[in-house]
N, C-alpha and C. Protein backbone atom coordinates (compact mmCIF):
# COMPACT_ATOMS: atom_id res chain seq x y z
N MET A 1 0.83 -1.18 0.00
CA MET A 1 0.00 0.00 0.00
C MET A 1 0.88 1.24 0.00
N ASN A 2 0.43 2.23 -0.68
CA ASN A 2 1.15 3.49 -0.81
C ASN A 2 1.19 4.21 0.55
N PRO A 3 2.38 4.54 1.07
CA PRO A 3 2.48 5.21 2.37
C PRO A 3 1.80 6.59 2.39
N ASN A 4 1.73 7.25 1.23
CA ASN A 4 1.07 8.55 1.17
C ASN A 4 -0.42 8.43 1.47
N LEU A 5 -1.01 7.30 1.11
CA LEU A 5 -2.42 7.09 1.41
C LEU A 5 -2.66 7.01 2.91
N MET A 6 -1.76 6.35 3.62
CA MET A 6 -1.91 6.23 5.07
C MET A 6 -1.73 7.59 5.75
N MET A 7 -0.95 8.46 5.13
CA MET A 7 -0.77 9.80 5.69
C MET A 7 -2.06 10.61 5.59
N MET A 8 -2.90 10.28 4.61
CA MET A 8 -4.17 10.99 4.46
C MET A 8 -5.11 10.70 5.63
N LEU A 9 -4.94 9.54 6.22
CA LEU A 9 -5.76 9.16 7.37
C LEU A 9 -5.04 9.57 8.65
N ALA A 10 -5.43 10.69 9.19
CA ALA A 10 -4.75 11.24 10.37
C ALA A 10 -5.12 10.45 11.62
N ASN A 11 -4.19 10.38 12.54
CA ASN A 11 -4.40 9.82 13.87
C ASN A 11 -4.83 8.36 13.88
N LEU A 12 -4.30 7.57 12.96
CA LEU A 12 -4.61 6.14 12.97
C LEU A 12 -3.83 5.45 14.08
N GLU A 13 -4.53 4.62 14.84
CA GLU A 13 -3.86 3.75 15.81
C GLU A 13 -3.18 2.63 15.01
N ALA A 14 -2.19 2.00 15.59
CA ALA A 14 -1.44 0.95 14.89
C ALA A 14 -2.35 -0.21 14.49
N GLU A 15 -3.25 -0.58 15.37
CA GLU A 15 -4.17 -1.69 15.09
C GLU A 15 -5.09 -1.37 13.92
N GLU A 16 -5.58 -0.14 13.89
CA GLU A 16 -6.47 0.27 12.80
C GLU A 16 -5.69 0.37 11.48
N ALA A 17 -4.47 0.87 11.54
CA ALA A 17 -3.66 0.98 10.32
C ALA A 17 -3.39 -0.40 9.72
N MET A 18 -3.08 -1.37 10.55
CA MET A 18 -2.85 -2.73 10.07
C MET A 18 -4.14 -3.32 9.49
N PHE A 19 -5.26 -3.05 10.15
CA PHE A 19 -6.55 -3.54 9.66
C PHE A 19 -6.84 -2.98 8.27
N ILE A 20 -6.65 -1.68 8.11
CA ILE A 20 -6.93 -1.02 6.83
C ILE A 20 -5.99 -1.55 5.74
N GLN A 21 -4.71 -1.68 6.08
CA GLN A 21 -3.75 -2.18 5.09
C GLN A 21 -4.12 -3.58 4.62
N ASN A 22 -4.50 -4.45 5.55
CA ASN A 22 -4.88 -5.81 5.17
C ASN A 22 -6.19 -5.83 4.39
N LEU A 23 -7.06 -4.90 4.68
CA LEU A 23 -8.37 -4.86 4.03
C LEU A 23 -8.26 -4.47 2.57
N ILE A 24 -7.37 -3.55 2.25
CA ILE A 24 -7.31 -3.02 0.88
C ILE A 24 -6.04 -3.40 0.13
N LYS A 25 -5.29 -4.36 0.63
CA LYS A 25 -4.01 -4.70 0.00
C LYS A 25 -4.16 -5.25 -1.42
N ASP A 26 -5.28 -5.88 -1.73
CA ASP A 26 -5.48 -6.49 -3.05
C ASP A 26 -6.10 -5.54 -4.07
N TYR A 27 -6.37 -4.32 -3.67
CA TYR A 27 -7.00 -3.35 -4.57
C TYR A 27 -5.94 -2.54 -5.31
N SER A 28 -6.33 -2.00 -6.45
CA SER A 28 -5.42 -1.15 -7.22
C SER A 28 -5.20 0.16 -6.47
N GLU A 29 -4.20 0.90 -6.91
CA GLU A 29 -3.89 2.16 -6.24
C GLU A 29 -5.05 3.15 -6.34
N ASP A 30 -5.72 3.19 -7.48
CA ASP A 30 -6.88 4.08 -7.63
C ASP A 30 -8.01 3.67 -6.70
N GLN A 31 -8.24 2.37 -6.59
CA GLN A 31 -9.28 1.89 -5.68
C GLN A 31 -8.91 2.19 -4.23
N GLN A 32 -7.63 2.07 -3.90
CA GLN A 32 -7.18 2.40 -2.55
C GLN A 32 -7.40 3.88 -2.25
N LYS A 33 -7.10 4.74 -3.20
CA LYS A 33 -7.32 6.18 -3.02
C LYS A 33 -8.79 6.47 -2.80
N THR A 34 -9.64 5.83 -3.59
CA THR A 34 -11.08 6.03 -3.44
C THR A 34 -11.53 5.58 -2.06
N PHE A 35 -11.04 4.41 -1.64
CA PHE A 35 -11.39 3.90 -0.32
C PHE A 35 -10.98 4.88 0.78
N VAL A 36 -9.74 5.34 0.73
CA VAL A 36 -9.23 6.25 1.77
C VAL A 36 -10.03 7.55 1.81
N MET A 37 -10.36 8.08 0.64
CA MET A 37 -11.14 9.33 0.61
C MET A 37 -12.53 9.13 1.21
N MET A 38 -13.15 8.00 0.93
CA MET A 38 -14.48 7.74 1.46
C MET A 38 -14.41 7.39 2.95
N TYR A 39 -13.43 6.61 3.33
CA TYR A 39 -13.31 6.13 4.71
C TYR A 39 -12.96 7.25 5.68
N GLN A 40 -12.12 8.17 5.26
CA GLN A 40 -11.70 9.23 6.18
C GLN A 40 -12.87 10.10 6.62
N ASN A 41 -13.93 10.17 5.82
CA ASN A 41 -15.10 10.94 6.21
C ASN A 41 -16.02 10.18 7.15
N LYS A 42 -15.90 8.86 7.17
CA LYS A 42 -16.77 8.05 8.01
C LYS A 42 -16.17 7.70 9.36
N ARG A 43 -14.87 7.59 9.42
CA ARG A 43 -14.23 7.08 10.64
C ARG A 43 -14.32 8.07 11.80
N ARG A 44 -14.19 7.54 13.00
CA ARG A 44 -14.19 8.36 14.21
C ARG A 44 -12.82 8.23 14.88
N ASP A 45 -12.28 9.35 15.28
CA ASP A 45 -11.00 9.38 15.98
C ASP A 45 -11.22 8.97 17.43
N SER A 46 -10.31 8.18 17.98
CA SER A 46 -10.47 7.73 19.37
C SER A 46 -10.41 8.90 20.35
N THR A 47 -9.71 9.97 20.00
CA THR A 47 -9.67 11.15 20.86
C THR A 47 -11.04 11.80 20.96
N LEU A 48 -11.77 11.83 19.87
CA LEU A 48 -13.13 12.37 19.88
C LEU A 48 -14.02 11.54 20.80
N ILE A 49 -13.89 10.24 20.74
CA ILE A 49 -14.68 9.36 21.62
C ILE A 49 -14.31 9.62 23.07
N LEU A 50 -13.02 9.79 23.36
CA LEU A 50 -12.58 10.07 24.73
C LEU A 50 -13.16 11.39 25.24
N VAL A 51 -13.07 12.43 24.44
CA VAL A 51 -13.56 13.75 24.86
C VAL A 51 -15.06 13.71 25.10
N THR A 52 -15.80 13.08 24.22
CA THR A 52 -17.26 13.03 24.40
C THR A 52 -17.65 12.15 25.58
N THR A 53 -16.84 11.16 25.91
CA THR A 53 -17.11 10.35 27.09
C THR A 53 -16.88 11.17 28.35
N VAL A 54 -15.84 11.97 28.38
CA VAL A 54 -15.57 12.83 29.54
C VAL A 54 -16.70 13.85 29.70
N ILE A 55 -17.23 14.34 28.60
CA ILE A 55 -18.37 15.28 28.68
C ILE A 55 -19.54 14.63 29.39
N GLY A 56 -19.66 13.32 29.29
CA GLY A 56 -20.72 12.60 29.97
C GLY A 56 -20.71 12.76 31.47
N PHE A 57 -19.56 13.03 32.04
CA PHE A 57 -19.48 13.26 33.49
C PHE A 57 -20.02 14.63 33.89
N PHE A 58 -19.98 15.56 32.97
CA PHE A 58 -20.33 16.93 33.32
C PHE A 58 -21.62 17.42 32.69
N GLY A 59 -22.31 16.58 31.98
CA GLY A 59 -23.53 17.06 31.35
C GLY A 59 -24.28 15.98 30.62
N PHE A 60 -24.06 15.90 29.34
CA PHE A 60 -24.84 15.04 28.47
C PHE A 60 -24.16 13.69 28.31
N ALA A 61 -24.65 12.71 29.04
CA ALA A 61 -24.06 11.36 28.95
C ALA A 61 -24.54 10.66 27.69
N GLY A 62 -23.67 9.90 27.08
CA GLY A 62 -24.03 9.06 25.95
C GLY A 62 -23.67 9.60 24.58
N ILE A 63 -23.03 10.77 24.51
CA ILE A 63 -22.67 11.32 23.20
C ILE A 63 -21.80 10.34 22.43
N GLN A 64 -20.86 9.68 23.12
CA GLN A 64 -19.97 8.74 22.45
C GLN A 64 -20.74 7.60 21.82
N ARG A 65 -21.84 7.21 22.43
CA ARG A 65 -22.65 6.12 21.86
C ARG A 65 -23.41 6.59 20.62
N PHE A 66 -23.88 7.83 20.63
CA PHE A 66 -24.52 8.37 19.44
C PHE A 66 -23.52 8.46 18.29
N LEU A 67 -22.29 8.87 18.59
CA LEU A 67 -21.26 9.02 17.55
C LEU A 67 -20.86 7.68 16.93
N THR A 68 -21.01 6.61 17.70
CA THR A 68 -20.64 5.29 17.18
C THR A 68 -21.87 4.52 16.70
N ASP A 69 -22.93 5.23 16.39
CA ASP A 69 -24.17 4.68 15.85
C ASP A 69 -24.84 3.66 16.77
N GLN A 70 -24.65 3.81 18.07
CA GLN A 70 -25.34 2.98 19.05
C GLN A 70 -26.42 3.84 19.70
N ILE A 71 -27.46 4.12 18.91
CA ILE A 71 -28.49 5.08 19.30
C ILE A 71 -29.24 4.61 20.55
N GLY A 72 -29.58 3.34 20.61
CA GLY A 72 -30.29 2.82 21.77
C GLY A 72 -29.50 2.99 23.05
N MET A 73 -28.21 2.66 23.00
CA MET A 73 -27.36 2.84 24.19
C MET A 73 -27.19 4.31 24.51
N GLY A 74 -27.13 5.16 23.50
CA GLY A 74 -27.02 6.60 23.74
C GLY A 74 -28.23 7.13 24.49
N ILE A 75 -29.42 6.70 24.08
CA ILE A 75 -30.64 7.12 24.77
C ILE A 75 -30.65 6.58 26.19
N LEU A 76 -30.26 5.33 26.36
CA LEU A 76 -30.20 4.74 27.71
C LEU A 76 -29.22 5.50 28.59
N TYR A 77 -28.04 5.80 28.07
CA TYR A 77 -27.06 6.57 28.84
C TYR A 77 -27.60 7.94 29.20
N PHE A 78 -28.28 8.57 28.26
CA PHE A 78 -28.81 9.92 28.51
C PHE A 78 -29.80 9.92 29.66
N PHE A 79 -30.73 8.96 29.66
CA PHE A 79 -31.77 8.96 30.68
C PHE A 79 -31.35 8.34 32.01
N THR A 80 -30.23 7.63 32.04
CA THR A 80 -29.77 7.02 33.29
C THR A 80 -28.47 7.62 33.81
N GLY A 81 -28.07 8.74 33.22
CA GLY A 81 -26.81 9.37 33.66
C GLY A 81 -25.62 8.47 33.40
N GLY A 82 -25.56 7.91 32.20
CA GLY A 82 -24.43 7.02 31.87
C GLY A 82 -24.49 5.74 32.66
N LEU A 83 -25.72 5.23 32.87
CA LEU A 83 -25.96 4.06 33.72
C LEU A 83 -25.33 4.30 35.10
N CYS A 84 -25.74 5.43 35.68
CA CYS A 84 -25.24 5.87 37.01
C CYS A 84 -23.72 5.99 37.01
N PHE A 85 -23.19 6.52 35.94
CA PHE A 85 -21.76 6.77 35.72
C PHE A 85 -20.93 5.50 35.53
N ILE A 86 -21.48 4.34 35.80
CA ILE A 86 -20.70 3.10 35.65
C ILE A 86 -20.41 2.85 34.17
N GLY A 87 -21.40 2.99 33.32
CA GLY A 87 -21.20 2.80 31.89
C GLY A 87 -20.23 3.82 31.32
N THR A 88 -20.32 5.04 31.82
CA THR A 88 -19.41 6.09 31.34
C THR A 88 -17.97 5.78 31.75
N ILE A 89 -17.78 5.25 32.96
CA ILE A 89 -16.44 4.88 33.41
C ILE A 89 -15.90 3.73 32.55
N VAL A 90 -16.75 2.75 32.27
CA VAL A 90 -16.32 1.64 31.40
C VAL A 90 -15.95 2.16 30.03
N ASP A 91 -16.73 3.11 29.50
CA ASP A 91 -16.41 3.67 28.19
C ASP A 91 -15.11 4.48 28.22
N LEU A 92 -14.80 5.11 29.35
CA LEU A 92 -13.52 5.82 29.48
C LEU A 92 -12.35 4.85 29.35
N VAL A 93 -12.51 3.68 29.92
CA VAL A 93 -11.44 2.68 29.86
C VAL A 93 -11.36 2.08 28.45
N ASN A 94 -12.50 1.90 27.81
CA ASN A 94 -12.57 1.20 26.52
C ASN A 94 -12.79 2.12 25.33
N TYR A 95 -12.45 3.39 25.43
CA TYR A 95 -12.75 4.32 24.35
C TYR A 95 -12.06 3.94 23.04
N LYS A 96 -10.86 3.39 23.11
CA LYS A 96 -10.16 3.01 21.88
C LYS A 96 -10.85 1.84 21.19
N SER A 97 -11.35 0.90 21.96
CA SER A 97 -12.04 -0.23 21.34
C SER A 97 -13.39 0.20 20.77
N LEU A 98 -14.06 1.16 21.42
CA LEU A 98 -15.31 1.69 20.86
C LEU A 98 -15.05 2.31 19.49
N ALA A 99 -14.00 3.11 19.40
CA ALA A 99 -13.66 3.76 18.13
C ALA A 99 -13.24 2.73 17.09
N PHE A 100 -12.43 1.76 17.49
CA PHE A 100 -11.95 0.76 16.54
C PHE A 100 -13.09 -0.10 16.00
N GLU A 101 -14.02 -0.51 16.86
CA GLU A 101 -15.17 -1.30 16.41
C GLU A 101 -16.01 -0.51 15.42
N TYR A 102 -16.25 0.76 15.73
CA TYR A 102 -17.02 1.60 14.81
C TYR A 102 -16.28 1.74 13.48
N ASN A 103 -14.97 1.97 13.54
CA ASN A 103 -14.18 2.18 12.33
C ASN A 103 -14.11 0.91 11.47
N GLN A 104 -14.11 -0.26 12.11
CA GLN A 104 -14.16 -1.50 11.34
C GLN A 104 -15.45 -1.58 10.55
N LYS A 105 -16.56 -1.28 11.20
CA LYS A 105 -17.85 -1.30 10.51
C LYS A 105 -17.88 -0.28 9.38
N ALA A 106 -17.32 0.90 9.63
CA ALA A 106 -17.28 1.94 8.60
C ALA A 106 -16.43 1.51 7.42
N ALA A 107 -15.33 0.80 7.67
CA ALA A 107 -14.47 0.33 6.59
C ALA A 107 -15.20 -0.71 5.74
N TYR A 108 -15.88 -1.64 6.38
CA TYR A 108 -16.64 -2.65 5.62
C TYR A 108 -17.77 -2.00 4.83
N GLU A 109 -18.44 -1.02 5.41
CA GLU A 109 -19.50 -0.31 4.69
C GLU A 109 -18.92 0.43 3.48
N THR A 110 -17.76 1.01 3.65
CA THR A 110 -17.11 1.72 2.55
C THR A 110 -16.77 0.76 1.41
N LEU A 111 -16.25 -0.42 1.75
CA LEU A 111 -15.95 -1.42 0.72
C LEU A 111 -17.21 -1.86 -0.01
N GLN A 112 -18.29 -2.06 0.75
CA GLN A 112 -19.55 -2.44 0.11
C GLN A 112 -20.06 -1.35 -0.83
N LEU A 113 -19.92 -0.11 -0.39
CA LEU A 113 -20.33 1.01 -1.21
C LEU A 113 -19.50 1.09 -2.49
N MET A 114 -18.21 0.84 -2.37
CA MET A 114 -17.35 0.84 -3.55
C MET A 114 -17.74 -0.27 -4.51
N LYS A 115 -18.12 -1.43 -4.00
CA LYS A 115 -18.52 -2.55 -4.86
C LYS A 115 -19.81 -2.25 -5.61
N THR A 116 -20.72 -1.51 -4.98
CA THR A 116 -21.96 -1.19 -5.67
C THR A 116 -21.72 -0.16 -6.76
N TRP A 117 -20.72 0.69 -6.58
CA TRP A 117 -20.38 1.69 -7.61
C TRP A 117 -19.65 1.06 -8.77
N ASN A 118 -18.73 0.13 -8.45
CA ASN A 118 -17.92 -0.53 -9.48
C ASN A 118 -18.06 -2.04 -9.35
N PRO A 119 -19.15 -2.61 -9.85
CA PRO A 119 -19.33 -4.07 -9.68
C PRO A 119 -18.33 -4.91 -10.42
């Protein structure tokens, strides 16, 4: 994979970078560029998840769940104060895995979208 493409994706964790490289290694350079351009708009940075989880302690709990498309959990966190702060504390510890799981789904969705455009 072209190293310049990985530079387009800012703040990649090592695990996510390896995942992306393995996912698109068999694609042409043009297809890889298309993937990176589409994926960078969908992915969530783990720092954003961390910041929104911390906000849950001081106001609106569950923002991180809304950002990761877990709407039901976001509503539950909102009405229960982050499950009495226990869920928010767990999310503080696991913020990187929340972001990585969401980004994996976003990468697979991006590949599916590319396949529908270029069958």
